[in-house]
Amino acid sequence: MQLENRTNNLVILPNLSSAANLWQRTAGLLALPPLGVGEGLLLQPCTGIHTWFMRYPIDVIFLDKHGVVIKVVENLRPFRIAGPLLRARSIIEMAPGTLRRTPVTNGDRLTIRP
């Protein structure tokens, strides 16, 4: 899948994976190597995350049910919590620095394409 910012007509992540079931969402990135440039993980449904026991930071985008950005977190370090946000319906985790290279702000509308 691919993550696009429809507001700015930009591709944010050309390689987006999905945590499709409860176990995958619970494990998140803990069981995976660090994400590379252009890679991300979609957690849905999801209202909050933690980085307990992770060995690397991540960038995070919180989306509402319409795909509108309601919060961005750059460089979330290990052993931190982001959320929960009651309006959030999905969260996208990505390599640190992604949000600096492809700006995303609150109110942007994002689309996930196959």
N, C-alpha and C. Protein backbone atom coordinates (compact mmCIF):
# COMPACT_ATOMS: atom_id res chain seq x y z
N MET A 1 0.84 -1.18 0.00
CA MET A 1 0.00 0.00 0.00
C MET A 1 0.88 1.24 0.00
N GLN A 2 0.25 2.37 -0.25
CA GLN A 2 0.94 3.65 -0.34
C GLN A 2 0.14 4.70 0.42
N LEU A 3 0.83 5.58 1.16
CA LEU A 3 0.18 6.66 1.90
C LEU A 3 0.41 7.98 1.17
N GLU A 4 -0.71 8.66 0.83
CA GLU A 4 -0.63 9.93 0.11
C GLU A 4 -1.27 11.04 0.93
N ASN A 5 -0.70 12.22 0.82
CA ASN A 5 -1.28 13.42 1.42
C ASN A 5 -2.08 14.12 0.32
N ARG A 6 -3.41 13.99 0.36
CA ARG A 6 -4.26 14.59 -0.68
C ARG A 6 -4.26 16.10 -0.59
N THR A 7 -4.04 16.65 0.60
CA THR A 7 -4.02 18.10 0.77
C THR A 7 -2.87 18.72 0.00
N ASN A 8 -1.70 18.09 0.05
CA ASN A 8 -0.50 18.62 -0.60
C ASN A 8 -0.09 17.87 -1.85
N ASN A 9 -0.87 16.85 -2.25
CA ASN A 9 -0.55 16.05 -3.43
C ASN A 9 0.85 15.44 -3.36
N LEU A 10 1.18 14.83 -2.21
CA LEU A 10 2.50 14.23 -2.01
C LEU A 10 2.35 12.78 -1.57
N VAL A 11 3.28 11.94 -1.99
CA VAL A 11 3.36 10.58 -1.47
C VAL A 11 4.24 10.64 -0.22
N ILE A 12 3.67 10.23 0.90
CA ILE A 12 4.42 10.24 2.16
C ILE A 12 5.19 8.94 2.32
N LEU A 13 4.49 7.82 2.10
CA LEU A 13 5.11 6.50 2.24
C LEU A 13 4.77 5.64 1.03
N PRO A 14 5.73 5.30 0.20
CA PRO A 14 5.44 4.43 -0.93
C PRO A 14 5.26 2.96 -0.53
N ASN A 15 5.69 2.61 0.70
CA ASN A 15 5.60 1.22 1.15
C ASN A 15 4.98 1.16 2.54
N LEU A 16 3.65 1.03 2.60
CA LEU A 16 2.91 1.00 3.86
C LEU A 16 2.36 -0.40 4.07
N SER A 17 2.71 -1.00 5.21
CA SER A 17 2.18 -2.31 5.60
C SER A 17 1.05 -2.10 6.59
N SER A 18 0.26 -3.16 6.81
CA SER A 18 -0.86 -3.07 7.73
C SER A 18 -0.75 -4.13 8.80
N ALA A 19 -1.02 -3.74 10.04
CA ALA A 19 -1.16 -4.70 11.13
C ALA A 19 -2.63 -5.10 11.13
N ALA A 20 -2.91 -6.25 10.54
CA ALA A 20 -4.27 -6.63 10.19
C ALA A 20 -5.08 -7.25 11.33
N ASN A 21 -4.41 -7.83 12.33
CA ASN A 21 -5.18 -8.46 13.39
C ASN A 21 -4.71 -7.97 14.76
N LEU A 22 -5.38 -8.40 15.80
CA LEU A 22 -5.08 -7.94 17.16
C LEU A 22 -3.65 -8.23 17.55
N TRP A 23 -3.17 -9.42 17.26
CA TRP A 23 -1.80 -9.77 17.62
C TRP A 23 -0.79 -8.86 16.91
N GLN A 24 -0.98 -8.62 15.62
CA GLN A 24 -0.06 -7.76 14.87
C GLN A 24 -0.10 -6.33 15.40
N ARG A 25 -1.29 -5.83 15.74
CA ARG A 25 -1.40 -4.48 16.30
C ARG A 25 -0.74 -4.40 17.67
N THR A 26 -0.91 -5.44 18.47
CA THR A 26 -0.30 -5.46 19.80
C THR A 26 1.22 -5.49 19.71
N ALA A 27 1.75 -6.30 18.82
CA ALA A 27 3.20 -6.39 18.66
C ALA A 27 3.76 -5.16 17.96
N GLY A 28 3.00 -4.61 17.02
CA GLY A 28 3.45 -3.42 16.30
C GLY A 28 4.84 -3.60 15.72
N LEU A 29 5.69 -2.63 16.00
CA LEU A 29 7.06 -2.67 15.48
C LEU A 29 8.03 -3.39 16.40
N LEU A 30 7.56 -3.83 17.57
CA LEU A 30 8.46 -4.49 18.51
C LEU A 30 9.15 -5.71 17.92
N ALA A 31 8.44 -6.45 17.10
CA ALA A 31 8.98 -7.67 16.54
C ALA A 31 9.67 -7.46 15.19
N LEU A 32 9.76 -6.21 14.76
CA LEU A 32 10.29 -5.92 13.42
C LEU A 32 11.57 -5.10 13.51
N PRO A 33 12.42 -5.19 12.48
CA PRO A 33 13.60 -4.31 12.44
C PRO A 33 13.16 -2.87 12.20
N PRO A 34 14.06 -1.91 12.44
CA PRO A 34 13.69 -0.51 12.20
C PRO A 34 13.19 -0.29 10.77
N LEU A 35 12.21 0.60 10.66
CA LEU A 35 11.66 0.93 9.34
C LEU A 35 12.67 1.72 8.53
N GLY A 36 12.70 1.47 7.25
CA GLY A 36 13.57 2.22 6.36
C GLY A 36 12.85 3.44 5.79
N VAL A 37 13.57 4.23 5.05
CA VAL A 37 13.00 5.41 4.40
C VAL A 37 11.87 4.96 3.48
N GLY A 38 10.71 5.60 3.61
CA GLY A 38 9.57 5.28 2.76
C GLY A 38 8.71 4.13 3.25
N GLU A 39 9.06 3.55 4.41
CA GLU A 39 8.29 2.44 4.95
C GLU A 39 7.46 2.90 6.15
N GLY A 40 6.30 2.25 6.34
CA GLY A 40 5.46 2.57 7.48
C GLY A 40 4.57 1.41 7.84
N LEU A 41 3.94 1.52 9.02
CA LEU A 41 3.02 0.49 9.51
C LEU A 41 1.72 1.16 9.91
N LEU A 42 0.61 0.67 9.35
CA LEU A 42 -0.73 1.15 9.66
C LEU A 42 -1.33 0.30 10.76
N LEU A 43 -1.75 0.94 11.85
CA LEU A 43 -2.44 0.26 12.94
C LEU A 43 -3.88 0.74 12.94
N GLN A 44 -4.80 -0.21 12.68
CA GLN A 44 -6.21 0.18 12.56
C GLN A 44 -7.10 -0.98 12.98
N PRO A 45 -8.03 -0.80 13.91
CA PRO A 45 -8.31 0.42 14.66
C PRO A 45 -7.27 0.63 15.75
N CYS A 46 -7.01 1.88 16.08
CA CYS A 46 -6.00 2.20 17.09
C CYS A 46 -6.18 3.64 17.54
N THR A 47 -6.09 3.88 18.85
CA THR A 47 -6.23 5.24 19.38
C THR A 47 -4.96 5.73 20.09
N GLY A 48 -4.03 4.83 20.36
CA GLY A 48 -2.81 5.23 21.05
C GLY A 48 -1.75 4.15 20.92
N ILE A 49 -0.50 4.55 21.13
CA ILE A 49 0.62 3.61 21.02
C ILE A 49 1.60 3.84 22.15
N HIS A 50 2.52 2.90 22.29
CA HIS A 50 3.66 3.07 23.20
C HIS A 50 4.91 2.57 22.49
N THR A 51 6.04 3.01 22.98
CA THR A 51 7.31 2.55 22.41
C THR A 51 8.13 1.82 23.48
N TRP A 52 7.46 1.21 24.45
CA TRP A 52 8.16 0.43 25.47
C TRP A 52 8.94 -0.68 24.81
N PHE A 53 10.18 -0.84 25.23
CA PHE A 53 11.08 -1.91 24.79
C PHE A 53 11.53 -1.77 23.33
N MET A 54 11.19 -0.68 22.69
CA MET A 54 11.72 -0.45 21.34
C MET A 54 13.15 0.07 21.45
N ARG A 55 13.92 -0.12 20.41
CA ARG A 55 15.32 0.29 20.43
C ARG A 55 15.58 1.50 19.54
N TYR A 56 14.52 2.07 18.97
CA TYR A 56 14.71 3.18 18.04
C TYR A 56 13.48 4.08 18.07
N PRO A 57 13.64 5.37 17.71
CA PRO A 57 12.50 6.29 17.68
C PRO A 57 11.68 6.11 16.40
N ILE A 58 10.47 6.68 16.40
CA ILE A 58 9.60 6.64 15.22
C ILE A 58 8.86 7.96 15.09
N ASP A 59 8.38 8.25 13.89
CA ASP A 59 7.43 9.34 13.64
C ASP A 59 6.04 8.72 13.60
N VAL A 60 5.02 9.48 14.04
CA VAL A 60 3.68 8.93 14.18
C VAL A 60 2.65 9.93 13.67
N ILE A 61 1.63 9.42 12.98
CA ILE A 61 0.49 10.22 12.54
C ILE A 61 -0.79 9.58 13.08
N PHE A 62 -1.63 10.38 13.73
CA PHE A 62 -2.94 9.94 14.19
C PHE A 62 -3.99 10.44 13.19
N LEU A 63 -4.89 9.55 12.75
CA LEU A 63 -5.94 9.90 11.80
C LEU A 63 -7.32 9.67 12.40
N ASP A 64 -8.28 10.52 12.03
CA ASP A 64 -9.66 10.29 12.44
C ASP A 64 -10.33 9.34 11.44
N LYS A 65 -11.63 9.11 11.61
CA LYS A 65 -12.33 8.14 10.75
C LYS A 65 -12.43 8.57 9.30
N HIS A 66 -12.17 9.85 9.00
CA HIS A 66 -12.22 10.35 7.62
C HIS A 66 -10.84 10.46 6.98
N GLY A 67 -9.80 10.03 7.70
CA GLY A 67 -8.44 10.13 7.17
C GLY A 67 -7.82 11.50 7.34
N VAL A 68 -8.38 12.30 8.25
CA VAL A 68 -7.85 13.64 8.52
C VAL A 68 -6.86 13.55 9.68
N VAL A 69 -5.71 14.18 9.51
CA VAL A 69 -4.67 14.17 10.53
C VAL A 69 -5.15 14.97 11.75
N ILE A 70 -5.10 14.32 12.92
CA ILE A 70 -5.48 15.02 14.15
C ILE A 70 -4.29 15.24 15.08
N LYS A 71 -3.18 14.54 14.82
CA LYS A 71 -1.97 14.77 15.61
C LYS A 71 -0.78 14.14 14.90
N VAL A 72 0.36 14.82 14.96
CA VAL A 72 1.62 14.26 14.47
C VAL A 72 2.64 14.30 15.61
N VAL A 73 3.46 13.28 15.67
CA VAL A 73 4.51 13.20 16.69
C VAL A 73 5.80 12.85 15.97
N GLU A 74 6.75 13.76 16.04
CA GLU A 74 8.05 13.51 15.42
C GLU A 74 9.01 12.93 16.44
N ASN A 75 9.77 11.94 16.00
CA ASN A 75 10.87 11.39 16.79
C ASN A 75 10.42 10.92 18.18
N LEU A 76 9.37 10.10 18.22
CA LEU A 76 8.91 9.53 19.49
C LEU A 76 9.93 8.50 19.94
N ARG A 77 10.59 8.80 21.04
CA ARG A 77 11.69 7.96 21.51
C ARG A 77 11.19 6.70 22.24
N PRO A 78 12.07 5.72 22.41
CA PRO A 78 11.69 4.52 23.15
C PRO A 78 11.19 4.83 24.56
N PHE A 79 10.31 3.97 25.05
CA PHE A 79 9.73 4.06 26.40
C PHE A 79 8.87 5.30 26.58
N ARG A 80 8.13 5.66 25.54
CA ARG A 80 7.20 6.78 25.61
C ARG A 80 5.80 6.31 25.22
N ILE A 81 4.80 7.15 25.50
CA ILE A 81 3.40 6.88 25.15
C ILE A 81 2.89 8.04 24.31
N ALA A 82 2.12 7.73 23.27
CA ALA A 82 1.45 8.75 22.46
C ALA A 82 -0.03 8.38 22.41
N GLY A 83 -0.87 9.26 22.89
CA GLY A 83 -2.30 8.98 22.96
C GLY A 83 -2.64 8.44 24.33
N PRO A 84 -3.82 7.91 24.50
CA PRO A 84 -4.83 7.72 23.46
C PRO A 84 -5.56 9.01 23.11
N LEU A 85 -6.00 9.07 21.88
CA LEU A 85 -6.85 10.15 21.40
C LEU A 85 -8.19 9.52 21.02
N LEU A 86 -9.25 9.94 21.68
CA LEU A 86 -10.55 9.32 21.47
C LEU A 86 -11.06 9.45 20.04
N ARG A 87 -10.69 10.53 19.34
CA ARG A 87 -11.12 10.72 17.94
C ARG A 87 -10.32 9.89 16.95
N ALA A 88 -9.17 9.38 17.37
CA ALA A 88 -8.31 8.62 16.45
C ALA A 88 -8.95 7.29 16.10
N ARG A 89 -8.81 6.91 14.84
CA ARG A 89 -9.27 5.60 14.37
C ARG A 89 -8.12 4.77 13.83
N SER A 90 -7.03 5.44 13.44
CA SER A 90 -5.86 4.72 12.95
C SER A 90 -4.61 5.53 13.23
N ILE A 91 -3.50 4.81 13.28
CA ILE A 91 -2.20 5.42 13.54
C ILE A 91 -1.22 4.85 12.53
N ILE A 92 -0.35 5.72 12.04
CA ILE A 92 0.69 5.28 11.11
C ILE A 92 2.04 5.55 11.75
N GLU A 93 2.85 4.49 11.86
CA GLU A 93 4.19 4.59 12.40
C GLU A 93 5.17 4.55 11.24
N MET A 94 6.21 5.38 11.32
CA MET A 94 7.18 5.45 10.23
C MET A 94 8.57 5.78 10.76
N ALA A 95 9.55 5.67 9.90
CA ALA A 95 10.93 5.95 10.28
C ALA A 95 11.07 7.39 10.75
N PRO A 96 11.93 7.64 11.74
CA PRO A 96 12.15 9.02 12.18
C PRO A 96 12.72 9.85 11.04
N GLY A 97 12.28 11.10 10.95
CA GLY A 97 12.72 12.00 9.89
C GLY A 97 11.75 12.06 8.72
N THR A 98 10.81 11.11 8.65
CA THR A 98 9.85 11.10 7.55
C THR A 98 9.00 12.37 7.55
N LEU A 99 8.53 12.78 8.73
CA LEU A 99 7.67 13.97 8.81
C LEU A 99 8.45 15.26 8.52
N ARG A 100 9.75 15.23 8.72
CA ARG A 100 10.57 16.41 8.39
C ARG A 100 10.75 16.51 6.87
N ARG A 101 10.86 15.36 6.20
CA ARG A 101 11.06 15.35 4.74
C ARG A 101 9.77 15.60 3.97
N THR A 102 8.66 15.10 4.48
CA THR A 102 7.36 15.25 3.82
C THR A 102 6.38 15.82 4.83
N PRO A 103 6.31 17.14 4.95
CA PRO A 103 5.51 17.77 5.99
C PRO A 103 4.04 17.33 5.98
N VAL A 104 3.57 16.99 7.18
CA VAL A 104 2.17 16.65 7.41
C VAL A 104 1.73 17.46 8.62
N THR A 105 0.58 18.12 8.51
CA THR A 105 0.09 18.94 9.62
C THR A 105 -1.35 18.57 9.94
N ASN A 106 -1.78 18.96 11.13
CA ASN A 106 -3.17 18.73 11.53
C ASN A 106 -4.11 19.31 10.47
N GLY A 107 -5.13 18.54 10.13
CA GLY A 107 -6.10 18.97 9.14
C GLY A 107 -5.84 18.44 7.74
N ASP A 108 -4.63 17.95 7.47
CA ASP A 108 -4.34 17.34 6.17
C ASP A 108 -5.20 16.08 6.01
N ARG A 109 -5.62 15.81 4.78
CA ARG A 109 -6.40 14.60 4.49
C ARG A 109 -5.47 13.61 3.79
N LEU A 110 -5.35 12.42 4.40
CA LEU A 110 -4.48 11.38 3.87
C LEU A 110 -5.32 10.26 3.26
N THR A 111 -4.74 9.60 2.27
CA THR A 111 -5.40 8.48 1.59
C THR A 111 -4.44 7.31 1.53
N ILE A 112 -4.98 6.12 1.74
CA ILE A 112 -4.19 4.90 1.61
C ILE A 112 -4.62 4.21 0.32
N ARG A 113 -3.66 3.98 -0.55
CA ARG A 113 -3.93 3.36 -1.85
C ARG A 113 -3.30 1.98 -1.89
N PRO A 114 -3.95 1.05 -2.59
CA PRO A 114 -3.38 -0.32 -2.71
C PRO A 114 -2.06 -0.32 -3.48
